[in-house]
């Protein structure tokens, strides 16, 4: 397990630029809402902690992680954001559906990063169990949403 000995919320705050002039679009999957809301809260708290004004954070919901690519594309097409963060959670079930959704979502977000000059950040948990997802969305391993927000801030500054 990659995060067993690393808390995702620990980072050097001094290394992150002030972001008061930046705007962020956030696309959130409604599927596994308990997890995606935790991730969203981690993103927003981190962005505002680094100076992003609440009115510069725009949220749109989509039904599931598979739809994150379309939602992020629509936000990118507005050309109003310095970065877009895609938040989702896919938990392994008994069928191959997990593999298809995870692969398509990752590839879709990668494709957006190639097609647009605005970074799209992958904040999609792909866990084997609900417990693992809880641990990574504000639980004992921190919050992957914090890591996604830090990544967005660094990429905007890139």
C-alpha atoms as a PDB file:
ATOM      1  CA  UNK A   1       0.000   0.000   0.000  1.00  0.00           C
ATOM      2  CA  UNK A   2       1.652   3.198  -1.218  1.00  0.00           C
ATOM      3  CA  UNK A   3       0.309   5.514   1.469  1.00  0.00           C
ATOM      4  CA  UNK A   4       0.657   3.223   4.471  1.00  0.00           C
ATOM      5  CA  UNK A   5       3.517   5.284   5.909  1.00  0.00           C
ATOM      6  CA  UNK A   6       2.713   8.686   4.441  1.00  0.00           C
ATOM      7  CA  UNK A   7       0.074  11.149   5.537  1.00  0.00           C
ATOM      8  CA  UNK A   8      -1.236  12.797   2.381  1.00  0.00           C
ATOM      9  CA  UNK A   9      -1.919  16.067   4.171  1.00  0.00           C
ATOM     10  CA  UNK A  10       1.692  16.733   5.246  1.00  0.00           C
ATOM     11  CA  UNK A  11       3.554  19.195   3.007  1.00  0.00           C
ATOM     12  CA  UNK A  12       5.762  22.265   3.246  1.00  0.00           C
ATOM     13  CA  UNK A  13       3.301  25.180   3.277  1.00  0.00           C
ATOM     14  CA  UNK A  14       6.120  27.688   2.801  1.00  0.00           C
ATOM     15  CA  UNK A  15       6.894  26.134  -0.605  1.00  0.00           C
ATOM     16  CA  UNK A  16       3.427  26.960  -1.951  1.00  0.00           C
ATOM     17  CA  UNK A  17       2.850  30.388  -3.556  1.00  0.00           C
ATOM     18  CA  UNK A  18       0.077  32.721  -2.460  1.00  0.00           C
ATOM     19  CA  UNK A  19      -2.842  32.131  -4.793  1.00  0.00           C
ATOM     20  CA  UNK A  20      -5.192  35.035  -4.110  1.00  0.00           C
ATOM     21  CA  UNK A  21      -5.456  35.916  -7.809  1.00  0.00           C
ATOM     22  CA  UNK A  22      -6.061  32.362  -9.041  1.00  0.00           C
ATOM     23  CA  UNK A  23      -9.393  30.771  -9.993  1.00  0.00           C
ATOM     24  CA  UNK A  24     -10.180  27.075  -9.689  1.00  0.00           C
ATOM     25  CA  UNK A  25     -12.883  24.895 -11.144  1.00  0.00           C
ATOM     26  CA  UNK A  26     -13.742  21.752  -9.221  1.00  0.00           C
ATOM     27  CA  UNK A  27     -15.741  18.886 -10.696  1.00  0.00           C
ATOM     28  CA  UNK A  28     -17.084  16.490  -8.068  1.00  0.00           C
ATOM     29  CA  UNK A  29     -18.538  13.041  -8.597  1.00  0.00           C
ATOM     30  CA  UNK A  30     -21.763  12.417  -6.685  1.00  0.00           C
ATOM     31  CA  UNK A  31     -21.021   8.666  -6.577  1.00  0.00           C
ATOM     32  CA  UNK A  32     -19.469   7.642  -3.235  1.00  0.00           C
ATOM     33  CA  UNK A  33     -20.506  11.050  -1.913  1.00  0.00           C
ATOM     34  CA  UNK A  34     -19.173  10.381   1.598  1.00  0.00           C
ATOM     35  CA  UNK A  35     -15.697  10.124   0.071  1.00  0.00           C
ATOM     36  CA  UNK A  36     -15.920  12.843  -2.572  1.00  0.00           C
ATOM     37  CA  UNK A  37     -17.254  15.391  -0.065  1.00  0.00           C
ATOM     38  CA  UNK A  38     -14.275  14.702   2.195  1.00  0.00           C
ATOM     39  CA  UNK A  39     -11.928  15.186  -0.750  1.00  0.00           C
ATOM     40  CA  UNK A  40     -13.734  18.371  -1.791  1.00  0.00           C
ATOM     41  CA  UNK A  41     -13.458  19.786   1.726  1.00  0.00           C
ATOM     42  CA  UNK A  42      -9.712  19.051   1.724  1.00  0.00           C
ATOM     43  CA  UNK A  43      -9.313  20.837  -1.621  1.00  0.00           C
ATOM     44  CA  UNK A  44     -11.265  23.933  -0.580  1.00  0.00           C
ATOM     45  CA  UNK A  45      -9.612  24.247   2.833  1.00  0.00           C
ATOM     46  CA  UNK A  46      -6.164  24.008   1.255  1.00  0.00           C
ATOM     47  CA  UNK A  47      -6.905  26.467  -1.544  1.00  0.00           C
ATOM     48  CA  UNK A  48      -8.359  29.064   0.823  1.00  0.00           C
ATOM     49  CA  UNK A  49      -5.472  28.476   3.252  1.00  0.00           C
ATOM     50  CA  UNK A  50      -3.186  29.638   0.437  1.00  0.00           C
ATOM     51  CA  UNK A  51      -5.152  32.781  -0.318  1.00  0.00           C
ATOM     52  CA  UNK A  52      -7.698  31.667  -2.905  1.00  0.00           C
ATOM     53  CA  UNK A  53     -10.871  33.666  -2.464  1.00  0.00           C
ATOM     54  CA  UNK A  54     -13.988  31.519  -1.922  1.00  0.00           C
ATOM     55  CA  UNK A  55     -15.708  33.215  -4.854  1.00  0.00           C
ATOM     56  CA  UNK A  56     -12.804  32.076  -7.083  1.00  0.00           C
ATOM     57  CA  UNK A  57     -13.647  28.416  -6.414  1.00  0.00           C
ATOM     58  CA  UNK A  58     -16.452  27.141  -8.641  1.00  0.00           C
ATOM     59  CA  UNK A  59     -17.931  23.690  -8.097  1.00  0.00           C
ATOM     60  CA  UNK A  60     -19.921  21.569 -10.536  1.00  0.00           C
ATOM     61  CA  UNK A  61     -21.230  18.072  -9.813  1.00  0.00           C
ATOM     62  CA  UNK A  62     -21.403  15.100 -12.158  1.00  0.00           C
ATOM     63  CA  UNK A  63     -23.106  11.751 -11.489  1.00  0.00           C
ATOM     64  CA  UNK A  64     -19.981   9.567 -11.343  1.00  0.00           C
ATOM     65  CA  UNK A  65     -16.245   9.427 -11.912  1.00  0.00           C
ATOM     66  CA  UNK A  66     -16.678   8.390 -15.544  1.00  0.00           C
ATOM     67  CA  UNK A  67     -18.361  11.767 -16.186  1.00  0.00           C
ATOM     68  CA  UNK A  68     -15.504  13.775 -14.640  1.00  0.00           C
ATOM     69  CA  UNK A  69     -13.746  14.120 -17.992  1.00  0.00           C
ATOM     70  CA  UNK A  70     -16.772  15.708 -19.653  1.00  0.00           C
ATOM     71  CA  UNK A  71     -17.413  17.996 -16.681  1.00  0.00           C
ATOM     72  CA  UNK A  72     -13.781  19.102 -16.556  1.00  0.00           C
ATOM     73  CA  UNK A  73     -13.752  19.681 -20.322  1.00  0.00           C
ATOM     74  CA  UNK A  74     -16.779  21.956 -20.046  1.00  0.00           C
ATOM     75  CA  UNK A  75     -15.064  23.950 -17.295  1.00  0.00           C
ATOM     76  CA  UNK A  76     -11.859  24.195 -19.327  1.00  0.00           C
ATOM     77  CA  UNK A  77     -13.790  25.451 -22.349  1.00  0.00           C
ATOM     78  CA  UNK A  78     -15.020  28.417 -20.288  1.00  0.00           C
ATOM     79  CA  UNK A  79     -11.389  29.604 -20.109  1.00  0.00           C
ATOM     80  CA  UNK A  80     -12.116  31.141 -16.689  1.00  0.00           C
ATOM     81  CA  UNK A  81      -9.918  28.959 -14.495  1.00  0.00           C
ATOM     82  CA  UNK A  82      -6.221  28.621 -13.791  1.00  0.00           C
ATOM     83  CA  UNK A  83      -6.702  24.922 -13.010  1.00  0.00           C
ATOM     84  CA  UNK A  84      -9.490  22.366 -12.791  1.00  0.00           C
ATOM     85  CA  UNK A  85      -9.571  19.617 -10.168  1.00  0.00           C
ATOM     86  CA  UNK A  86     -11.511  16.414 -10.869  1.00  0.00           C
ATOM     87  CA  UNK A  87     -12.689  14.664  -7.679  1.00  0.00           C
ATOM     88  CA  UNK A  88     -14.013  11.122  -7.650  1.00  0.00           C
ATOM     89  CA  UNK A  89     -13.971   7.783  -5.877  1.00  0.00           C
ATOM     90  CA  UNK A  90     -14.183   4.326  -7.423  1.00  0.00           C
ATOM     91  CA  UNK A  91     -14.283   1.344  -5.090  1.00  0.00           C
ATOM     92  CA  UNK A  92     -13.541  -2.185  -6.307  1.00  0.00           C
ATOM     93  CA  UNK A  93     -16.576  -4.388  -6.723  1.00  0.00           C
ATOM     94  CA  UNK A  94     -17.056  -7.920  -7.956  1.00  0.00           C
ATOM     95  CA  UNK A  95     -16.933  -7.111 -11.682  1.00  0.00           C
ATOM     96  CA  UNK A  96     -14.549  -5.536 -14.188  1.00  0.00           C
ATOM     97  CA  UNK A  97     -16.578  -2.304 -14.116  1.00  0.00           C
ATOM     98  CA  UNK A  98     -14.016  -0.864 -11.666  1.00  0.00           C
ATOM     99  CA  UNK A  99     -11.182  -1.402 -14.169  1.00  0.00           C
ATOM    100  CA  UNK A 100     -13.045   0.232 -17.039  1.00  0.00           C
ATOM    101  CA  UNK A 101     -14.146   3.276 -15.045  1.00  0.00           C
ATOM    102  CA  UNK A 102     -10.697   3.823 -13.501  1.00  0.00           C
ATOM    103  CA  UNK A 103      -8.882   3.459 -16.815  1.00  0.00           C
ATOM    104  CA  UNK A 104     -11.270   5.655 -18.786  1.00  0.00           C
ATOM    105  CA  UNK A 105     -11.245   8.375 -16.136  1.00  0.00           C
ATOM    106  CA  UNK A 106      -7.453   8.462 -15.865  1.00  0.00           C
ATOM    107  CA  UNK A 107      -7.038   8.471 -19.648  1.00  0.00           C
ATOM    108  CA  UNK A 108      -9.695  11.159 -20.052  1.00  0.00           C
ATOM    109  CA  UNK A 109      -8.053  13.491 -17.579  1.00  0.00           C
ATOM    110  CA  UNK A 110      -4.659  12.814 -19.179  1.00  0.00           C
ATOM    111  CA  UNK A 111      -6.166  13.726 -22.552  1.00  0.00           C
ATOM    112  CA  UNK A 112      -7.455  17.035 -21.151  1.00  0.00           C
ATOM    113  CA  UNK A 113      -3.955  17.880 -19.960  1.00  0.00           C
ATOM    114  CA  UNK A 114      -2.685  17.328 -23.478  1.00  0.00           C
ATOM    115  CA  UNK A 115      -5.517  19.208 -25.203  1.00  0.00           C
ATOM    116  CA  UNK A 116      -5.649  22.319 -22.980  1.00  0.00           C
ATOM    117  CA  UNK A 117      -3.070  24.716 -21.589  1.00  0.00           C
ATOM    118  CA  UNK A 118      -4.867  24.667 -18.250  1.00  0.00           C
ATOM    119  CA  UNK A 119      -3.885  21.881 -15.846  1.00  0.00           C
ATOM    120  CA  UNK A 120      -6.506  19.313 -14.892  1.00  0.00           C
ATOM    121  CA  UNK A 121      -5.675  17.619 -11.616  1.00  0.00           C
ATOM    122  CA  UNK A 122      -6.528  13.955 -10.982  1.00  0.00           C
ATOM    123  CA  UNK A 123      -8.093  13.578  -7.536  1.00  0.00           C
ATOM    124  CA  UNK A 124      -9.784  10.229  -8.026  1.00  0.00           C
ATOM    125  CA  UNK A 125      -9.400   7.557  -5.382  1.00  0.00           C
ATOM    126  CA  UNK A 126      -9.307   4.013  -6.770  1.00  0.00           C
ATOM    127  CA  UNK A 127      -9.508   1.852  -3.685  1.00  0.00           C
ATOM    128  CA  UNK A 128     -10.182  -1.809  -2.982  1.00  0.00           C
ATOM    129  CA  UNK A 129     -12.454  -1.077  -0.012  1.00  0.00           C
ATOM    130  CA  UNK A 130     -14.588   1.680   1.454  1.00  0.00           C
ATOM    131  CA  UNK A 131     -12.277   1.718   4.482  1.00  0.00           C
ATOM    132  CA  UNK A 132      -9.282   2.532   2.264  1.00  0.00           C
ATOM    133  CA  UNK A 133     -11.243   5.381   0.664  1.00  0.00           C
ATOM    134  CA  UNK A 134     -12.225   6.775   4.066  1.00  0.00           C
ATOM    135  CA  UNK A 135      -8.592   6.589   5.219  1.00  0.00           C
ATOM    136  CA  UNK A 136      -7.539   8.732   2.212  1.00  0.00           C
ATOM    137  CA  UNK A 137     -10.353  11.288   2.270  1.00  0.00           C
ATOM    138  CA  UNK A 138      -9.749  12.722   5.718  1.00  0.00           C
ATOM    139  CA  UNK A 139      -8.959   9.593   7.719  1.00  0.00           C
ATOM    140  CA  UNK A 140      -5.761   8.094   9.087  1.00  0.00           C
ATOM    141  CA  UNK A 141      -3.785   8.656   5.863  1.00  0.00           C
ATOM    142  CA  UNK A 142      -4.789  12.307   5.585  1.00  0.00           C
ATOM    143  CA  UNK A 143      -6.719  13.729   2.681  1.00  0.00           C
ATOM    144  CA  UNK A 144      -5.860  13.213  -0.974  1.00  0.00           C
ATOM    145  CA  UNK A 145      -7.880  16.395  -1.633  1.00  0.00           C
ATOM    146  CA  UNK A 146      -5.165  18.383   0.139  1.00  0.00           C
ATOM    147  CA  UNK A 147      -2.569  16.808  -2.136  1.00  0.00           C
ATOM    148  CA  UNK A 148      -4.675  17.620  -5.224  1.00  0.00           C
ATOM    149  CA  UNK A 149      -5.011  21.268  -4.166  1.00  0.00           C
ATOM    150  CA  UNK A 150      -1.254  21.545  -3.568  1.00  0.00           C
ATOM    151  CA  UNK A 151      -0.654  19.987  -6.982  1.00  0.00           C
ATOM    152  CA  UNK A 152      -3.047  22.491  -8.581  1.00  0.00           C
ATOM    153  CA  UNK A 153      -1.304  25.418  -6.888  1.00  0.00           C
ATOM    154  CA  UNK A 154       2.100  24.200  -8.026  1.00  0.00           C
ATOM    155  CA  UNK A 155       0.919  23.595 -11.587  1.00  0.00           C
ATOM    156  CA  UNK A 156      -0.682  27.039 -11.834  1.00  0.00           C
ATOM    157  CA  UNK A 157       2.622  28.512 -10.670  1.00  0.00           C
ATOM    158  CA  UNK A 158       4.484  26.332 -13.230  1.00  0.00           C
END
